[in-house]
Amino acid sequence: MTFPTTVQYLLEFMASAIFIMIVNMAMANIKSLPQRNAKIVRGVAYGAATFAVFLGLSMVIQTTTSANYFFLINPAFTVGMAVAGGVKWAQVAPMIASQVLGMLVGQILVVLANYKKYQEVEDSTELLAMFVTINDFDNRTYENRPSAWINGFFTEFFASFIFFFILAFSINLQQSSIMLVIGFVAFVLVASTGAVMNPAMDFAARLIFWFMPDSILGDAKDDSRWWYSIVPIVVPFIAAIAAVALVKIILKTGTASTSSTTTAG
């Protein structure tokens, strides 16, 4: 059974909202934690959200509808799969729109549930870290921005490439049992590098942070640091395309090798 495209968009919307809610509900409780520990909290939440959506939600759908649906919930991975032929290009724009809208709604719900906690925060960087990742080189000076961009590019690309590579393999090999491994990988990568790996997540959280007034987020609200957003919004697309293309080459090579061996036999 295959879901109609409109149902797929609805599923992407729902899963994206759930994903950001799991992660940033946890991040709303990092008050007074050092940045290193905040990364670990984000990593744990990211891993849990990955496991909950890719395995938990997929199993619920499979049990109730007897249909298999692999969630994307990520614009970068959606484009990567389209480049590889796994997603129709006509579906890419509405799929990404569903993911971004889901993230926006999810983040709004997180703010409504935790605005009292935000108002207790006194440091602007700590408050922003409850929404998005803060680069280790970002000390709020213009001189350090190039260092933050360079560091962010490599960490974001490294983490996103590995994550998308494993995720793409899991789709092609249809191994749902490795979703727990994928969740653990997500935890390790996010906790160690601070990478976002999801453009919709950073954009939605940063936009809501920018939009919400001080009366909701508190006096600590300051710059949304859009200057850094180019890293978590653009780099995952590059990593996803590279990772999915490599998986496609490996699988194609393996298929050709198997065919040659069978023919020779």
C-alpha atoms as a PDB file:
ATOM      1  CA  MET A   1       0.000   0.000   0.000  1.00  0.00           C
ATOM      2  CA  THR A   2       1.255   3.458  -0.975  1.00  0.00           C
ATOM      3  CA  PHE A   3      -0.114   6.639   0.552  1.00  0.00           C
ATOM      4  CA  PRO A   4      -1.453   9.431  -1.720  1.00  0.00           C
ATOM      5  CA  THR A   5       0.923  12.388  -1.949  1.00  0.00           C
ATOM      6  CA  THR A   6      -1.348  14.595   0.154  1.00  0.00           C
ATOM      7  CA  VAL A   7      -1.222  12.042   2.965  1.00  0.00           C
ATOM      8  CA  GLN A   8       2.569  11.862   2.658  1.00  0.00           C
ATOM      9  CA  TYR A   9       2.771  15.651   3.052  1.00  0.00           C
ATOM     10  CA  LEU A  10       0.547  15.447   6.120  1.00  0.00           C
ATOM     11  CA  LEU A  11       2.749  12.718   7.593  1.00  0.00           C
ATOM     12  CA  GLU A  12       5.872  14.802   6.961  1.00  0.00           C
ATOM     13  CA  PHE A  13       4.215  17.796   8.623  1.00  0.00           C
ATOM     14  CA  MET A  14       3.214  15.756  11.661  1.00  0.00           C
ATOM     15  CA  ALA A  15       6.566  13.974  12.006  1.00  0.00           C
ATOM     16  CA  SER A  16       8.520  17.241  11.653  1.00  0.00           C
ATOM     17  CA  ALA A  17       6.448  18.886  14.381  1.00  0.00           C
ATOM     18  CA  ILE A  18       6.994  15.920  16.696  1.00  0.00           C
ATOM     19  CA  PHE A  19      10.718  15.874  15.958  1.00  0.00           C
ATOM     20  CA  ILE A  20      11.425  19.501  16.842  1.00  0.00           C
ATOM     21  CA  MET A  21       9.159  19.292  19.882  1.00  0.00           C
ATOM     22  CA  ILE A  22      11.128  16.360  21.323  1.00  0.00           C
ATOM     23  CA  VAL A  23      14.463  18.108  20.767  1.00  0.00           C
ATOM     24  CA  ASN A  24      13.615  21.640  21.848  1.00  0.00           C
ATOM     25  CA  MET A  25      11.372  20.604  24.745  1.00  0.00           C
ATOM     26  CA  ALA A  26      14.531  19.039  26.164  1.00  0.00           C
ATOM     27  CA  MET A  27      16.583  22.141  25.299  1.00  0.00           C
ATOM     28  CA  ALA A  28      14.148  24.326  27.246  1.00  0.00           C
ATOM     29  CA  ASN A  29      15.604  22.785  30.412  1.00  0.00           C
ATOM     30  CA  ILE A  30      19.300  23.609  29.913  1.00  0.00           C
ATOM     31  CA  LYS A  31      19.262  26.739  32.067  1.00  0.00           C
ATOM     32  CA  SER A  32      22.721  27.410  33.578  1.00  0.00           C
ATOM     33  CA  LEU A  33      24.296  24.381  31.869  1.00  0.00           C
ATOM     34  CA  PRO A  34      27.751  24.851  30.275  1.00  0.00           C
ATOM     35  CA  GLN A  35      27.675  24.850  26.474  1.00  0.00           C
ATOM     36  CA  ARG A  36      29.383  21.454  26.389  1.00  0.00           C
ATOM     37  CA  ASN A  37      26.627  19.893  28.478  1.00  0.00           C
ATOM     38  CA  ALA A  38      23.970  21.668  26.433  1.00  0.00           C
ATOM     39  CA  LYS A  39      25.329  19.900  23.326  1.00  0.00           C
ATOM     40  CA  ILE A  40      25.023  16.557  25.077  1.00  0.00           C
ATOM     41  CA  VAL A  41      21.405  17.294  25.997  1.00  0.00           C
ATOM     42  CA  ARG A  42      20.682  18.253  22.373  1.00  0.00           C
ATOM     43  CA  GLY A  43      22.434  15.084  21.192  1.00  0.00           C
ATOM     44  CA  VAL A  44      20.401  12.831  23.483  1.00  0.00           C
ATOM     45  CA  ALA A  45      17.162  14.540  22.462  1.00  0.00           C
ATOM     46  CA  TYR A  46      18.098  14.403  18.762  1.00  0.00           C
ATOM     47  CA  GLY A  47      18.848  10.694  19.005  1.00  0.00           C
ATOM     48  CA  ALA A  48      15.589  10.047  20.844  1.00  0.00           C
ATOM     49  CA  ALA A  49      13.618  12.066  18.276  1.00  0.00           C
ATOM     50  CA  THR A  50      15.288  10.215  15.408  1.00  0.00           C
ATOM     51  CA  PHE A  51      14.450   6.854  16.944  1.00  0.00           C
ATOM     52  CA  ALA A  52      10.897   7.922  17.813  1.00  0.00           C
ATOM     53  CA  VAL A  53      10.085   9.144  14.300  1.00  0.00           C
ATOM     54  CA  PHE A  54      12.013   6.782  12.032  1.00  0.00           C
ATOM     55  CA  LEU A  55      11.173   3.630  13.953  1.00  0.00           C
ATOM     56  CA  GLY A  56       8.390   4.346  16.458  1.00  0.00           C
ATOM     57  CA  LEU A  57       6.097   6.387  14.214  1.00  0.00           C
ATOM     58  CA  SER A  58       6.848   4.173  11.199  1.00  0.00           C
ATOM     59  CA  MET A  59       5.875   1.081  13.189  1.00  0.00           C
ATOM     60  CA  VAL A  60       2.618   2.706  14.323  1.00  0.00           C
ATOM     61  CA  ILE A  61       1.704   3.479  10.717  1.00  0.00           C
ATOM     62  CA  GLN A  62       2.703   0.012   9.553  1.00  0.00           C
ATOM     63  CA  THR A  63       0.640  -1.635  12.302  1.00  0.00           C
ATOM     64  CA  THR A  64      -2.484   0.464  11.774  1.00  0.00           C
ATOM     65  CA  THR A  65      -2.477   0.710   7.964  1.00  0.00           C
ATOM     66  CA  SER A  66      -0.266  -2.207   6.807  1.00  0.00           C
ATOM     67  CA  ALA A  67       1.720   0.359   4.816  1.00  0.00           C
ATOM     68  CA  ASN A  68       5.436   1.080   4.901  1.00  0.00           C
ATOM     69  CA  TYR A  69       6.413   4.738   4.932  1.00  0.00           C
ATOM     70  CA  PHE A  70       9.938   6.010   5.456  1.00  0.00           C
ATOM     71  CA  PHE A  71       9.897   9.525   6.912  1.00  0.00           C
ATOM     72  CA  LEU A  72      12.250  12.121   5.475  1.00  0.00           C
ATOM     73  CA  ILE A  73      11.466  15.142   7.769  1.00  0.00           C
ATOM     74  CA  ASN A  74      14.539  16.863   6.368  1.00  0.00           C
ATOM     75  CA  PRO A  75      14.720  19.159   3.298  1.00  0.00           C
ATOM     76  CA  ALA A  76      18.375  18.268   2.688  1.00  0.00           C
ATOM     77  CA  PHE A  77      17.721  14.529   2.702  1.00  0.00           C
ATOM     78  CA  THR A  78      14.620  15.075   0.557  1.00  0.00           C
ATOM     79  CA  VAL A  79      16.709  16.833  -2.116  1.00  0.00           C
ATOM     80  CA  GLY A  80      19.426  14.186  -1.825  1.00  0.00           C
ATOM     81  CA  MET A  81      16.871  11.414  -2.404  1.00  0.00           C
ATOM     82  CA  ALA A  82      15.450  13.346  -5.373  1.00  0.00           C
ATOM     83  CA  VAL A  83      18.917  13.616  -6.927  1.00  0.00           C
ATOM     84  CA  ALA A  84      19.272   9.841  -6.514  1.00  0.00           C
ATOM     85  CA  GLY A  85      15.849   9.207  -8.005  1.00  0.00           C
ATOM     86  CA  GLY A  86      14.225   8.101  -4.758  1.00  0.00           C
ATOM     87  CA  VAL A  87      11.795  11.032  -4.617  1.00  0.00           C
ATOM     88  CA  LYS A  88       9.990  12.624  -7.568  1.00  0.00           C
ATOM     89  CA  TRP A  89      11.118  16.199  -8.185  1.00  0.00           C
ATOM     90  CA  ALA A  90       7.479  17.288  -8.396  1.00  0.00           C
ATOM     91  CA  GLN A  91       7.107  16.285  -4.735  1.00  0.00           C
ATOM     92  CA  VAL A  92      10.224  18.041  -3.439  1.00  0.00           C
ATOM     93  CA  ALA A  93       8.828  21.573  -3.000  1.00  0.00           C
ATOM     94  CA  PRO A  94       5.552  20.552  -1.266  1.00  0.00           C
ATOM     95  CA  MET A  95       7.447  17.977   0.804  1.00  0.00           C
ATOM     96  CA  ILE A  96       9.909  20.619   2.040  1.00  0.00           C
ATOM     97  CA  ALA A  97       7.054  23.074   2.666  1.00  0.00           C
ATOM     98  CA  SER A  98       5.343  20.428   4.813  1.00  0.00           C
ATOM     99  CA  GLN A  99       8.533  19.839   6.779  1.00  0.00           C
ATOM    100  CA  VAL A 100       9.196  23.533   7.383  1.00  0.00           C
ATOM    101  CA  LEU A 101       5.586  24.214   8.403  1.00  0.00           C
ATOM    102  CA  GLY A 102       5.667  21.233  10.741  1.00  0.00           C
ATOM    103  CA  MET A 103       8.842  22.514  12.365  1.00  0.00           C
ATOM    104  CA  LEU A 104       7.359  26.006  12.726  1.00  0.00           C
ATOM    105  CA  VAL A 105       4.178  24.724  14.374  1.00  0.00           C
ATOM    106  CA  GLY A 106       6.167  22.388  16.604  1.00  0.00           C
ATOM    107  CA  GLN A 107       8.493  25.192  17.734  1.00  0.00           C
ATOM    108  CA  ILE A 108       5.557  27.488  18.471  1.00  0.00           C
ATOM    109  CA  LEU A 109       4.049  24.791  20.683  1.00  0.00           C
ATOM    110  CA  VAL A 110       7.397  24.417  22.464  1.00  0.00           C
ATOM    111  CA  VAL A 111       7.489  28.173  23.154  1.00  0.00           C
ATOM    112  CA  LEU A 112       3.918  28.215  24.433  1.00  0.00           C
ATOM    113  CA  ALA A 113       4.719  25.360  26.806  1.00  0.00           C
ATOM    114  CA  ASN A 114       7.992  26.807  28.087  1.00  0.00           C
ATOM    115  CA  TYR A 115       7.806  30.603  27.911  1.00  0.00           C
ATOM    116  CA  LYS A 116       8.042  30.870  31.705  1.00  0.00           C
ATOM    117  CA  LYS A 117      11.381  29.043  31.602  1.00  0.00           C
ATOM    118  CA  TYR A 118      12.674  31.336  28.867  1.00  0.00           C
ATOM    119  CA  GLN A 119      11.805  34.389  30.946  1.00  0.00           C
ATOM    120  CA  GLU A 120      14.005  33.122  33.777  1.00  0.00           C
ATOM    121  CA  VAL A 121      17.124  33.023  31.574  1.00  0.00           C
ATOM    122  CA  GLU A 122      19.510  35.957  31.981  1.00  0.00           C
ATOM    123  CA  ASP A 123      22.119  35.208  29.302  1.00  0.00           C
ATOM    124  CA  SER A 124      21.251  35.837  25.632  1.00  0.00           C
ATOM    125  CA  THR A 125      23.514  33.060  24.320  1.00  0.00           C
ATOM    126  CA  GLU A 126      21.993  30.559  26.733  1.00  0.00           C
ATOM    127  CA  LEU A 127      18.507  31.567  25.615  1.00  0.00           C
ATOM    128  CA  LEU A 128      19.345  31.225  21.917  1.00  0.00           C
ATOM    129  CA  ALA A 129      20.938  27.823  22.613  1.00  0.00           C
ATOM    130  CA  MET A 130      17.515  26.604  23.714  1.00  0.00           C
ATOM    131  CA  PHE A 131      16.413  27.099  20.106  1.00  0.00           C
ATOM    132  CA  VAL A 132      19.463  26.532  17.891  1.00  0.00           C
ATOM    133  CA  THR A 133      23.040  25.282  18.119  1.00  0.00           C
ATOM    134  CA  ILE A 134      25.704  27.844  19.082  1.00  0.00           C
ATOM    135  CA  ASN A 135      29.081  27.386  17.410  1.00  0.00           C
ATOM    136  CA  ASP A 136      32.047  27.046  19.789  1.00  0.00           C
ATOM    137  CA  PHE A 137      33.891  29.857  17.967  1.00  0.00           C
ATOM    138  CA  ASP A 138      31.021  32.307  18.256  1.00  0.00           C
ATOM    139  CA  ASN A 139      32.034  34.826  20.909  1.00  0.00           C
ATOM    140  CA  ARG A 140      29.754  37.533  19.467  1.00  0.00           C
ATOM    141  CA  THR A 141      32.551  39.487  17.777  1.00  0.00           C
ATOM    142  CA  TYR A 142      32.793  40.170  14.049  1.00  0.00           C
ATOM    143  CA  GLU A 143      36.436  39.068  14.066  1.00  0.00           C
ATOM    144  CA  ASN A 144      35.494  35.506  15.032  1.00  0.00           C
ATOM    145  CA  ARG A 145      32.736  35.021  12.494  1.00  0.00           C
ATOM    146  CA  PRO A 146      35.030  33.554   9.791  1.00  0.00           C
ATOM    147  CA  SER A 147      36.335  31.020  12.334  1.00  0.00           C
ATOM    148  CA  ALA A 148      32.780  30.085  13.285  1.00  0.00           C
ATOM    149  CA  TRP A 149      31.805  29.694   9.622  1.00  0.00           C
ATOM    150  CA  ILE A 150      34.814  27.502   8.809  1.00  0.00           C
ATOM    151  CA  ASN A 151      34.434  25.352  11.913  1.00  0.00           C
ATOM    152  CA  GLY A 152      30.689  25.116  11.355  1.00  0.00           C
ATOM    153  CA  PHE A 153      31.102  24.097   7.716  1.00  0.00           C
ATOM    154  CA  PHE A 154      33.397  21.177   8.489  1.00  0.00           C
ATOM    155  CA  THR A 155      31.500  19.916  11.546  1.00  0.00           C
ATOM    156  CA  GLU A 156      28.113  20.286   9.851  1.00  0.00           C
ATOM    157  CA  PHE A 157      29.296  18.597   6.660  1.00  0.00           C
ATOM    158  CA  PHE A 158      31.069  15.782   8.507  1.00  0.00           C
ATOM    159  CA  ALA A 159      28.104  14.983  10.756  1.00  0.00           C
ATOM    160  CA  SER A 160      25.459  15.415   8.040  1.00  0.00           C
ATOM    161  CA  PHE A 161      27.371  13.300   5.521  1.00  0.00           C
ATOM    162  CA  ILE A 162      27.747  10.365   7.923  1.00  0.00           C
ATOM    163  CA  PHE A 163      24.140  10.581   9.096  1.00  0.00           C
ATOM    164  CA  PHE A 164      22.650  10.807   5.587  1.00  0.00           C
ATOM    165  CA  PHE A 165      24.980   8.076   4.304  1.00  0.00           C
ATOM    166  CA  ILE A 166      23.738   5.607   6.931  1.00  0.00           C
ATOM    167  CA  LEU A 167      20.141   6.764   6.508  1.00  0.00           C
ATOM    168  CA  ALA A 168      20.268   6.303   2.727  1.00  0.00           C
ATOM    169  CA  PHE A 169      21.681   2.798   3.127  1.00  0.00           C
ATOM    170  CA  SER A 170      18.877   1.905   5.531  1.00  0.00           C
ATOM    171  CA  ILE A 171      16.295   2.892   2.902  1.00  0.00           C
ATOM    172  CA  ASN A 172      17.958   1.006   0.041  1.00  0.00           C
ATOM    173  CA  LEU A 173      18.553  -2.110   2.086  1.00  0.00           C
ATOM    174  CA  GLN A 174      15.173  -1.828   3.856  1.00  0.00           C
ATOM    175  CA  GLN A 175      16.713  -2.624   7.223  1.00  0.00           C
ATOM    176  CA  SER A 176      14.311  -1.138   9.758  1.00  0.00           C
ATOM    177  CA  SER A 177      16.205  -2.931  12.524  1.00  0.00           C
ATOM    178  CA  ILE A 178      19.106  -0.508  12.215  1.00  0.00           C
ATOM    179  CA  MET A 179      16.969   2.507  13.143  1.00  0.00           C
ATOM    180  CA  LEU A 180      18.159   2.168  16.724  1.00  0.00           C
ATOM    181  CA  VAL A 181      21.718   2.432  15.434  1.00  0.00           C
ATOM    182  CA  ILE A 182      20.765   5.513  13.420  1.00  0.00           C
ATOM    183  CA  GLY A 183      19.331   7.109  16.552  1.00  0.00           C
ATOM    184  CA  PHE A 184      22.568   6.391  18.420  1.00  0.00           C
ATOM    185  CA  VAL A 185      24.633   7.788  15.545  1.00  0.00           C
ATOM    186  CA  ALA A 186      22.512  10.957  15.587  1.00  0.00           C
ATOM    187  CA  PHE A 187      23.152  11.324  19.321  1.00  0.00           C
ATOM    188  CA  VAL A 188      26.916  10.907  18.944  1.00  0.00           C
ATOM    189  CA  LEU A 189      27.215  13.286  15.989  1.00  0.00           C
ATOM    190  CA  VAL A 190      25.083  16.072  17.473  1.00  0.00           C
ATOM    191  CA  ALA A 191      26.567  15.767  20.972  1.00  0.00           C
ATOM    192  CA  SER A 192      30.157  15.798  19.705  1.00  0.00           C
ATOM    193  CA  THR A 193      29.950  18.369  16.889  1.00  0.00           C
ATOM    194  CA  GLY A 194      26.885  20.460  17.670  1.00  0.00           C
ATOM    195  CA  ALA A 195      25.681  19.934  14.097  1.00  0.00           C
ATOM    196  CA  VAL A 196      22.020  20.475  13.231  1.00  0.00           C
ATOM    197  CA  MET A 197      21.827  18.262  10.118  1.00  0.00           C
ATOM    198  CA  ASN A 198      18.339  19.601   9.357  1.00  0.00           C
ATOM    199  CA  PRO A 199      17.903  22.977   7.594  1.00  0.00           C
ATOM    200  CA  ALA A 200      14.181  23.156   8.401  1.00  0.00           C
ATOM    201  CA  MET A 201      14.853  22.729  12.099  1.00  0.00           C
ATOM    202  CA  ASP A 202      17.375  25.574  12.334  1.00  0.00           C
ATOM    203  CA  PHE A 203      15.325  27.888  10.109  1.00  0.00           C
ATOM    204  CA  ALA A 204      12.079  27.285  12.007  1.00  0.00           C
ATOM    205  CA  ALA A 205      13.587  27.621  15.473  1.00  0.00           C
ATOM    206  CA  ARG A 206      15.621  30.710  14.542  1.00  0.00           C
ATOM    207  CA  LEU A 207      12.631  32.348  12.847  1.00  0.00           C
ATOM    208  CA  ILE A 208      10.369  31.783  15.849  1.00  0.00           C
ATOM    209  CA  PHE A 209      13.094  33.113  18.171  1.00  0.00           C
ATOM    210  CA  TRP A 210      13.403  36.242  16.005  1.00  0.00           C
ATOM    211  CA  PHE A 211       9.632  36.698  15.756  1.00  0.00           C
ATOM    212  CA  MET A 212       8.661  36.183  19.395  1.00  0.00           C
ATOM    213  CA  PRO A 213       8.564  39.413  21.473  1.00  0.00           C
ATOM    214  CA  ASP A 214      10.540  40.017  24.666  1.00  0.00           C
ATOM    215  CA  SER A 215       7.303  39.742  26.624  1.00  0.00           C
ATOM    216  CA  ILE A 216       7.296  36.020  25.827  1.00  0.00           C
ATOM    217  CA  LEU A 217      10.992  35.124  25.651  1.00  0.00           C
ATOM    218  CA  GLY A 218      12.141  37.525  28.354  1.00  0.00           C
ATOM    219  CA  ASP A 219      14.667  40.353  28.607  1.00  0.00           C
ATOM    220  CA  ALA A 220      17.576  38.085  27.625  1.00  0.00           C
ATOM    221  CA  LYS A 221      16.336  37.903  24.045  1.00  0.00           C
ATOM    222  CA  ASP A 222      18.858  39.463  21.687  1.00  0.00           C
ATOM    223  CA  ASP A 223      20.318  38.842  18.227  1.00  0.00           C
ATOM    224  CA  SER A 224      19.055  35.754  16.358  1.00  0.00           C
ATOM    225  CA  ARG A 225      22.503  35.489  14.706  1.00  0.00           C
ATOM    226  CA  TRP A 226      21.198  34.973  11.190  1.00  0.00           C
ATOM    227  CA  TRP A 227      24.746  35.499   9.960  1.00  0.00           C
ATOM    228  CA  TYR A 228      25.561  31.925  11.073  1.00  0.00           C
ATOM    229  CA  SER A 229      22.382  30.318   9.711  1.00  0.00           C
ATOM    230  CA  ILE A 230      23.972  29.831   6.291  1.00  0.00           C
ATOM    231  CA  VAL A 231      25.913  26.912   7.796  1.00  0.00           C
ATOM    232  CA  PRO A 232      23.063  24.767   9.214  1.00  0.00           C
ATOM    233  CA  ILE A 233      20.694  25.730   6.387  1.00  0.00           C
ATOM    234  CA  VAL A 234      22.975  25.277   3.337  1.00  0.00           C
ATOM    235  CA  VAL A 235      25.692  22.764   4.280  1.00  0.00           C
ATOM    236  CA  PRO A 236      23.348  19.789   4.978  1.00  0.00           C
ATOM    237  CA  PHE A 237      22.094  20.022   1.378  1.00  0.00           C
ATOM    238  CA  ILE A 238      25.648  19.613   0.073  1.00  0.00           C
ATOM    239  CA  ALA A 239      26.319  16.741   2.467  1.00  0.00           C
ATOM    240  CA  ALA A 240      23.042  14.973   1.635  1.00  0.00           C
ATOM    241  CA  ILE A 241      23.599  15.100  -2.116  1.00  0.00           C
ATOM    242  CA  ALA A 242      27.163  13.795  -1.700  1.00  0.00           C
ATOM    243  CA  ALA A 243      26.157  11.039   0.733  1.00  0.00           C
ATOM    244  CA  VAL A 244      23.181   9.758  -1.271  1.00  0.00           C
ATOM    245  CA  ALA A 245      25.190   9.882  -4.516  1.00  0.00           C
ATOM    246  CA  LEU A 246      27.938   7.794  -2.907  1.00  0.00           C
ATOM    247  CA  VAL A 247      25.417   5.228  -1.654  1.00  0.00           C
ATOM    248  CA  LYS A 248      23.933   5.008  -5.144  1.00  0.00           C
ATOM    249  CA  ILE A 249      27.395   4.430  -6.662  1.00  0.00           C
ATOM    250  CA  ILE A 250      28.240   1.746  -4.091  1.00  0.00           C
ATOM    251  CA  LEU A 251      24.947  -0.092  -4.615  1.00  0.00           C
ATOM    252  CA  LYS A 252      25.232   0.169  -8.397  1.00  0.00           C
ATOM    253  CA  THR A 253      28.795  -1.154  -8.289  1.00  0.00           C
ATOM    254  CA  GLY A 254      27.749  -3.996  -6.008  1.00  0.00           C
ATOM    255  CA  THR A 255      24.852  -4.931  -8.289  1.00  0.00           C
ATOM    256  CA  ALA A 256      27.109  -4.890 -11.354  1.00  0.00           C
ATOM    257  CA  SER A 257      29.684  -7.036  -9.561  1.00  0.00           C
ATOM    258  CA  THR A 258      27.027  -9.573  -8.520  1.00  0.00           C
ATOM    259  CA  SER A 259      25.669  -9.744 -12.071  1.00  0.00           C
ATOM    260  CA  SER A 260      29.176 -10.339 -13.465  1.00  0.00           C
ATOM    261  CA  THR A 261      29.816 -13.108 -10.951  1.00  0.00           C
ATOM    262  CA  THR A 262      26.477 -14.776 -11.763  1.00  0.00           C
ATOM    263  CA  THR A 263      27.139 -14.575 -15.490  1.00  0.00           C
ATOM    264  CA  ALA A 264      30.630 -15.999 -15.108  1.00  0.00           C
ATOM    265  CA  GLY A 265      29.253 -18.852 -13.008  1.00  0.00           C
END
